[in-house]
Amino acid sequence: MREQHDQPPAGRSRAVRLDSFGGPEVLDVQEIPAPQAGQGQVRVRVTAAGLNPMDWIMTADADTAARFGLSLPAGFGTDYAGVVDQVGAGVTGFAPGDRVFGGALSRAVADHVVIDLAEGVAANEVHRTPDGVDDRTAATLAVAGRTASATLAVVDPGPDDTVLIGGAAGGVGVFAVQLARLAGARVIGTGSAGSADFLRDLGAEPVAYGDGLADRVRTLAPAGVTAAIDLHGTETAHAARQLGVPDARICTIAAQVDGVSAANGANAAPGALDEVARLVARGQLRVPIAASFPVEQIRRAAELQAGRHVHGKVVIDL
């Protein structure tokens, strides 16, 4: 059973805010006026929010924050799930009581988020939560599901492929591995020695990252690797080149490599996120929840996520 939290008085709302940019130490739960849904908007009572590396990367310093259009005071977190509790004028398709999930750029870890339906962009979106998908799971889908889908669209894996995925045990990796396997591909995933069993459970063959990666992969796949996705940096992309993978079938998300496509969640095809949610609802894709924390422990949760050694997703309960 989830821990019960003290709720603010009517008309007020809890939100994780930053009054200065920095690490987890600048995150605070503050009581603010509850936002209201205006014309063409819905308000969601958030029950769970999932954390991603982008959350703390883009709030780490003022220059990075500015590139994302953020200024102080800023919110935190992008993935959310909950229930529509207020609908503005002109809204059709959503009603109070609808279970929903989506993205709200750097403001999701809060009791309420307001989504402008006219914007329709990846960081400001709302989708119906399918029956059979709980809120904690739904709160992990937007950023990682979109990003994984975008990377697979670049390399287009199929039954004849062996795909090398770097950072396969991370938040995006758990989606990318399973989506590639659903496409029929063989998957080799890089990770630490401690992640080997976790990767096998996802359907990937584990291989240790670090010096000599290409040689270790060559031993595992003597017939060759045909595609690669680097979810951490550039090591996997460079190893793929050593293994003869053409640049057109290599993709990165966290770094640039000349000649190699970089993908992010905004590149995902229309309907990609809803399809990910349907796969979860049908039991064809599972989302490992590494840890969940009450919102009062946001600093502890962010520290765990920022350590980059979490197997699966970190979720905040509200």
Protein backbone atom coordinates (compact mmCIF):
# COMPACT_ATOMS: atom_id res chain seq x y z
CA MET A 1 0.00 0.00 0.00
CA ARG A 2 1.23 3.49 -0.81
CA GLU A 3 2.24 5.83 1.96
CA GLN A 4 -0.38 8.50 2.63
CA HIS A 5 0.82 12.10 2.47
CA ASP A 6 -0.58 15.24 4.07
CA GLN A 7 -2.47 17.20 1.43
CA PRO A 8 -2.37 21.00 1.16
CA PRO A 9 -5.56 22.99 1.79
CA ALA A 10 -8.06 23.59 -1.01
CA GLY A 11 -6.73 25.92 -3.66
CA ARG A 12 -3.13 25.01 -2.85
CA SER A 13 -0.84 22.41 -4.42
CA ARG A 14 2.51 20.80 -3.68
CA ALA A 15 5.22 21.08 -6.31
CA VAL A 16 8.92 20.33 -6.43
CA ARG A 17 10.61 23.65 -7.21
CA LEU A 18 14.10 25.01 -7.70
CA ASP A 19 14.99 28.54 -6.61
CA SER A 20 18.50 28.04 -8.00
CA PHE A 21 19.92 25.66 -10.57
CA GLY A 22 22.09 22.80 -9.39
CA GLY A 23 21.99 19.19 -8.21
CA PRO A 24 19.50 17.28 -6.06
CA GLU A 25 20.35 19.51 -3.10
CA VAL A 26 18.39 22.42 -4.63
CA LEU A 27 15.12 20.46 -4.93
CA ASP A 28 12.40 21.41 -2.47
CA VAL A 29 8.73 20.54 -2.04
CA GLN A 30 6.84 23.83 -1.89
CA GLU A 31 3.20 24.74 -1.41
CA ILE A 32 1.94 26.93 -4.26
CA PRO A 33 -1.42 28.14 -5.59
CA ALA A 34 -3.04 25.25 -7.45
CA PRO A 35 -2.88 25.88 -11.21
CA GLN A 36 -6.21 26.20 -13.03
CA ALA A 37 -7.23 24.84 -16.44
CA GLY A 38 -7.94 27.58 -18.94
CA GLN A 39 -9.30 27.61 -22.48
CA GLY A 40 -8.30 24.42 -24.31
CA GLN A 41 -6.52 23.00 -21.25
CA VAL A 42 -6.95 20.10 -18.87
CA ARG A 43 -5.66 19.85 -15.33
CA VAL A 44 -4.36 16.51 -14.09
CA ARG A 45 -4.19 15.47 -10.46
CA VAL A 46 -0.82 13.73 -10.60
CA THR A 47 -0.49 10.46 -8.70
CA ALA A 48 2.97 9.41 -9.92
CA ALA A 49 5.89 11.04 -11.74
CA GLY A 50 8.79 9.21 -13.37
CA LEU A 51 12.35 10.56 -13.33
CA ASN A 52 14.73 10.68 -16.30
CA PRO A 53 18.32 11.87 -16.79
CA MET A 54 17.05 14.89 -18.75
CA ASP A 55 15.32 16.15 -15.60
CA TRP A 56 18.50 16.84 -13.67
CA ILE A 57 20.67 17.53 -16.74
CA MET A 58 18.57 20.47 -17.90
CA THR A 59 18.26 21.99 -14.41
CA ALA A 60 21.93 21.60 -13.47
CA ASP A 61 22.98 25.08 -14.60
CA ALA A 62 21.47 28.26 -15.99
CA ASP A 63 22.91 27.95 -19.51
CA THR A 64 21.53 24.44 -20.03
CA ALA A 65 18.19 25.42 -18.51
CA ALA A 66 17.91 28.39 -20.88
CA ARG A 67 18.27 26.07 -23.88
CA PHE A 68 15.12 24.30 -22.69
CA GLY A 69 13.29 27.56 -22.06
CA LEU A 70 13.49 27.22 -18.27
CA SER A 71 13.88 30.10 -15.82
CA LEU A 72 13.69 30.41 -12.04
CA PRO A 73 11.75 29.44 -10.09
CA ALA A 74 11.57 26.19 -12.05
CA GLY A 75 9.75 22.92 -11.57
CA PHE A 76 11.18 19.43 -11.91
CA GLY A 77 10.41 16.23 -13.79
CA THR A 78 8.60 15.59 -17.06
CA ASP A 79 6.80 12.21 -16.97
CA TYR A 80 3.49 12.04 -15.11
CA ALA A 81 0.36 9.95 -14.66
CA GLY A 82 -2.87 10.69 -12.86
CA VAL A 83 -6.52 11.65 -13.27
CA VAL A 84 -8.08 14.60 -15.08
CA ASP A 85 -9.78 16.73 -12.41
CA GLN A 86 -10.51 19.95 -14.31
CA VAL A 87 -11.38 20.68 -17.94
CA GLY A 88 -11.23 24.12 -19.51
CA ALA A 89 -13.63 25.65 -22.00
CA GLY A 90 -13.53 24.22 -25.49
CA VAL A 91 -11.99 20.89 -24.50
CA THR A 92 -13.38 17.77 -26.10
CA GLY A 93 -12.17 14.22 -25.70
CA PHE A 94 -11.30 14.44 -22.00
CA ALA A 95 -13.48 14.65 -18.92
CA PRO A 96 -12.93 14.72 -15.17
CA GLY A 97 -12.15 11.23 -13.92
CA ASP A 98 -10.23 10.11 -17.03
CA ARG A 99 -6.99 8.29 -16.20
CA VAL A 100 -4.17 9.85 -18.22
CA PHE A 101 -0.40 10.02 -18.62
CA GLY A 102 2.06 12.10 -20.59
CA GLY A 103 4.76 14.74 -20.40
CA ALA A 104 4.94 18.18 -18.79
CA LEU A 105 8.41 19.62 -19.26
CA SER A 106 10.15 20.25 -15.92
CA ARG A 107 6.91 20.51 -13.92
CA ALA A 108 5.58 16.97 -13.53
CA VAL A 109 6.59 16.35 -9.90
CA ALA A 110 3.63 18.25 -8.51
CA ASP A 111 0.12 17.60 -7.28
CA HIS A 112 -1.28 19.19 -10.44
CA VAL A 113 -0.14 19.83 -14.00
CA VAL A 114 -2.03 21.82 -16.61
CA ILE A 115 -1.69 20.66 -20.21
CA ASP A 116 -2.53 22.85 -23.19
CA LEU A 117 -4.07 20.49 -25.72
CA ALA A 118 -3.39 22.85 -28.61
CA GLU A 119 0.38 22.60 -28.22
CA GLY A 120 0.56 18.86 -28.93
CA VAL A 121 4.31 18.60 -28.37
CA ALA A 122 6.24 15.82 -26.66
CA ALA A 123 6.90 17.76 -23.47
CA ASN A 124 3.30 18.99 -23.16
CA GLU A 125 0.95 16.10 -23.84
CA VAL A 126 -1.80 13.98 -22.38
CA HIS A 127 -2.85 10.44 -23.35
CA ARG A 128 -5.44 8.06 -22.00
CA THR A 129 -3.97 5.40 -19.73
CA PRO A 130 -5.02 1.98 -21.03
CA ASP A 131 -6.87 -0.37 -18.71
CA GLY A 132 -4.42 -2.71 -17.06
CA VAL A 133 -1.61 -0.14 -16.80
CA ASP A 134 -1.13 1.19 -13.26
CA ASP A 135 -0.20 4.82 -12.64
CA ARG A 136 3.37 4.13 -11.52
CA THR A 137 4.05 2.32 -14.78
CA ALA A 138 2.22 4.91 -16.88
CA ALA A 139 4.38 7.59 -15.27
CA THR A 140 7.51 6.04 -16.77
CA LEU A 141 6.42 5.92 -20.40
CA ALA A 142 6.58 9.36 -22.00
CA VAL A 143 10.27 10.26 -22.23
CA ALA A 144 11.80 6.77 -22.33
CA GLY A 145 9.09 5.22 -24.49
CA ARG A 146 9.25 8.04 -27.03
CA THR A 147 13.05 8.03 -27.08
CA ALA A 148 13.37 4.28 -27.51
CA SER A 149 10.77 4.32 -30.28
CA ALA A 150 12.67 7.10 -32.07
CA THR A 151 15.96 5.20 -31.93
CA LEU A 152 14.39 2.04 -33.30
CA ALA A 153 12.88 4.02 -36.16
CA VAL A 154 16.43 5.04 -37.13
CA VAL A 155 17.99 1.56 -37.13
CA ASP A 156 14.80 -0.30 -38.15
CA PRO A 157 15.59 -3.73 -36.64
CA GLY A 158 14.07 -6.96 -37.92
CA PRO A 159 14.39 -10.74 -37.62
CA ASP A 160 17.66 -10.80 -39.59
CA ASP A 161 19.37 -8.26 -37.34
CA THR A 162 21.73 -8.42 -34.39
CA VAL A 163 21.47 -5.10 -32.55
CA LEU A 164 24.07 -3.81 -30.10
CA ILE A 165 22.49 -1.53 -27.47
CA GLY A 166 24.74 0.52 -25.20
CA GLY A 167 23.40 1.39 -21.74
CA ALA A 168 20.78 -1.32 -22.14
CA ALA A 169 19.89 -1.58 -18.44
CA GLY A 170 18.94 2.10 -18.08
CA GLY A 171 15.59 3.82 -18.28
CA VAL A 172 15.51 4.05 -22.07
CA GLY A 173 17.38 0.79 -22.49
CA VAL A 174 14.65 -1.35 -20.96
CA PHE A 175 12.27 -0.09 -23.66
CA ALA A 176 14.77 -0.27 -26.53
CA VAL A 177 15.78 -3.86 -25.73
CA GLN A 178 12.21 -5.11 -25.58
CA LEU A 179 11.05 -3.20 -28.66
CA ALA A 180 13.97 -4.59 -30.66
CA ARG A 181 13.16 -8.09 -29.46
CA LEU A 182 9.50 -7.60 -30.39
CA ALA A 183 10.72 -6.69 -33.87
CA GLY A 184 12.43 -10.08 -34.00
CA ALA A 185 16.03 -8.93 -33.61
CA ARG A 186 18.75 -10.53 -31.55
CA VAL A 187 19.92 -8.00 -28.93
CA ILE A 188 23.32 -7.66 -27.27
CA GLY A 189 23.24 -5.12 -24.44
CA THR A 190 26.16 -3.42 -22.72
CA GLY A 191 26.19 -2.95 -18.97
CA SER A 192 28.09 -3.59 -15.78
CA ALA A 193 28.74 -7.07 -14.47
CA GLY A 194 25.97 -6.51 -11.93
CA SER A 195 23.41 -5.88 -14.66
CA ALA A 196 23.95 -9.17 -16.54
CA ASP A 197 21.01 -11.07 -15.04
CA PHE A 198 18.75 -8.03 -15.40
CA LEU A 199 19.62 -7.77 -19.10
CA ARG A 200 19.00 -11.48 -19.66
CA ASP A 201 15.56 -11.10 -18.09
CA LEU A 202 14.79 -8.34 -20.60
CA GLY A 203 15.81 -10.58 -23.48
CA ALA A 204 19.30 -9.19 -24.17
CA GLU A 205 22.62 -10.99 -24.16
CA PRO A 206 24.84 -9.04 -21.75
CA VAL A 207 28.32 -7.78 -22.57
CA ALA A 208 30.55 -5.64 -20.35
CA TYR A 209 31.17 -2.09 -21.48
CA GLY A 210 34.67 -0.54 -21.47
CA ASP A 211 37.94 -1.13 -23.30
CA GLY A 212 37.79 -4.08 -25.67
CA LEU A 213 34.03 -3.85 -26.19
CA ALA A 214 34.24 -4.54 -29.92
CA ASP A 215 36.32 -7.68 -29.35
CA ARG A 216 33.89 -9.01 -26.74
CA VAL A 217 30.94 -8.40 -29.04
CA ARG A 218 32.77 -10.08 -31.92
CA THR A 219 33.18 -13.17 -29.74
CA LEU A 220 29.48 -13.16 -28.88
CA ALA A 221 28.37 -12.54 -32.46
CA PRO A 222 30.95 -13.92 -34.89
CA ALA A 223 28.48 -13.52 -37.75
CA GLY A 224 28.46 -9.78 -37.09
CA VAL A 225 26.36 -6.95 -35.72
CA THR A 226 24.04 -5.16 -38.12
CA ALA A 227 22.75 -2.20 -36.10
CA ALA A 228 23.59 -0.30 -32.92
CA ILE A 229 21.95 2.14 -30.50
CA ASP A 230 24.12 4.09 -28.04
CA LEU A 231 22.04 5.26 -25.08
CA HIS A 232 24.91 6.46 -22.90
CA GLY A 233 27.65 8.25 -24.85
CA THR A 234 29.74 7.28 -27.86
CA GLU A 235 31.52 4.06 -26.85
CA THR A 236 28.90 1.77 -28.38
CA ALA A 237 28.70 3.83 -31.57
CA HIS A 238 32.47 3.65 -32.08
CA ALA A 239 32.52 -0.08 -31.30
CA ALA A 240 29.77 -0.60 -33.87
CA ARG A 241 31.88 1.14 -36.49
CA GLN A 242 34.79 -1.16 -35.63
CA LEU A 243 32.40 -4.08 -36.18
CA GLY A 244 31.49 -2.83 -39.62
CA VAL A 245 28.03 -1.42 -38.86
CA PRO A 246 27.23 1.34 -41.40
CA ASP A 247 26.61 4.81 -39.96
CA ALA A 248 23.04 4.74 -41.30
CA ARG A 249 22.22 1.94 -38.84
CA ILE A 250 23.82 3.51 -35.77
CA CYS A 251 21.93 5.90 -33.49
CA THR A 252 22.87 7.93 -30.41
CA ILE A 253 20.78 9.89 -27.92
CA ALA A 254 23.23 11.39 -25.41
CA ALA A 255 26.12 12.50 -27.62
CA GLN A 256 26.94 13.46 -31.20
CA VAL A 257 29.05 11.37 -33.56
CA ASP A 258 29.75 12.84 -36.99
CA GLY A 259 27.81 10.94 -39.64
CA VAL A 260 25.58 9.16 -37.11
CA SER A 261 21.94 10.07 -36.49
CA ALA A 262 20.94 11.33 -33.07
CA ALA A 263 17.39 10.76 -31.86
CA ASN A 264 15.24 12.07 -29.03
CA GLY A 265 11.68 11.67 -27.90
CA ALA A 266 10.46 14.60 -29.96
CA ASN A 267 11.45 12.64 -33.09
CA ALA A 268 9.11 9.74 -32.31
CA ALA A 269 6.46 9.01 -34.91
CA PRO A 270 2.87 10.10 -34.24
CA GLY A 271 1.14 7.44 -32.17
CA ALA A 272 4.42 5.89 -30.97
CA LEU A 273 3.76 6.57 -27.29
CA ASP A 274 0.22 5.23 -27.43
CA GLU A 275 1.55 2.08 -29.06
CA VAL A 276 4.11 1.65 -26.26
CA ALA A 277 1.29 1.98 -23.73
CA ARG A 278 -0.78 -0.62 -25.61
CA LEU A 279 2.16 -3.05 -25.56
CA VAL A 280 2.43 -2.59 -21.79
CA ALA A 281 -1.32 -3.15 -21.39
CA ARG A 282 -1.12 -6.37 -23.42
CA GLY A 283 1.77 -7.66 -21.32
CA GLN A 284 4.19 -7.60 -24.26
CA LEU A 285 6.41 -4.92 -22.73
CA ARG A 286 7.19 -4.64 -19.05
CA VAL A 287 8.63 -1.68 -17.20
CA PRO A 288 10.89 -2.56 -14.27
CA ILE A 289 10.38 -0.05 -11.44
CA ALA A 290 13.72 0.11 -9.64
CA ALA A 291 12.44 2.26 -6.78
CA SER A 292 9.59 4.53 -5.76
CA PHE A 293 9.72 7.40 -3.27
CA PRO A 294 7.20 9.73 -1.65
CA VAL A 295 7.53 13.27 -2.99
CA GLU A 296 9.04 14.39 0.33
CA GLN A 297 12.10 12.27 -0.55
CA ILE A 298 12.66 13.89 -3.95
CA ARG A 299 16.33 14.64 -3.25
CA ARG A 300 17.05 11.02 -2.39
CA ALA A 301 15.21 9.85 -5.50
CA ALA A 302 17.07 12.29 -7.76
CA GLU A 303 20.42 11.25 -6.30
CA LEU A 304 19.64 7.60 -7.02
CA GLN A 305 18.53 8.34 -10.58
CA ALA A 306 21.49 10.65 -11.26
CA GLY A 307 23.91 7.90 -10.23
CA ARG A 308 23.14 6.29 -13.62
CA HIS A 309 23.34 2.75 -12.20
CA VAL A 310 19.62 2.17 -11.69
CA HIS A 311 18.17 -0.91 -13.38
CA GLY A 312 14.86 0.39 -14.65
CA LYS A 313 12.87 3.43 -13.59
CA VAL A 314 12.59 5.66 -10.52
CA VAL A 315 9.11 6.93 -9.65
CA ILE A 316 7.80 9.60 -7.30
CA ASP A 317 4.43 8.99 -5.58
CA LEU A 318 2.19 12.00 -4.96
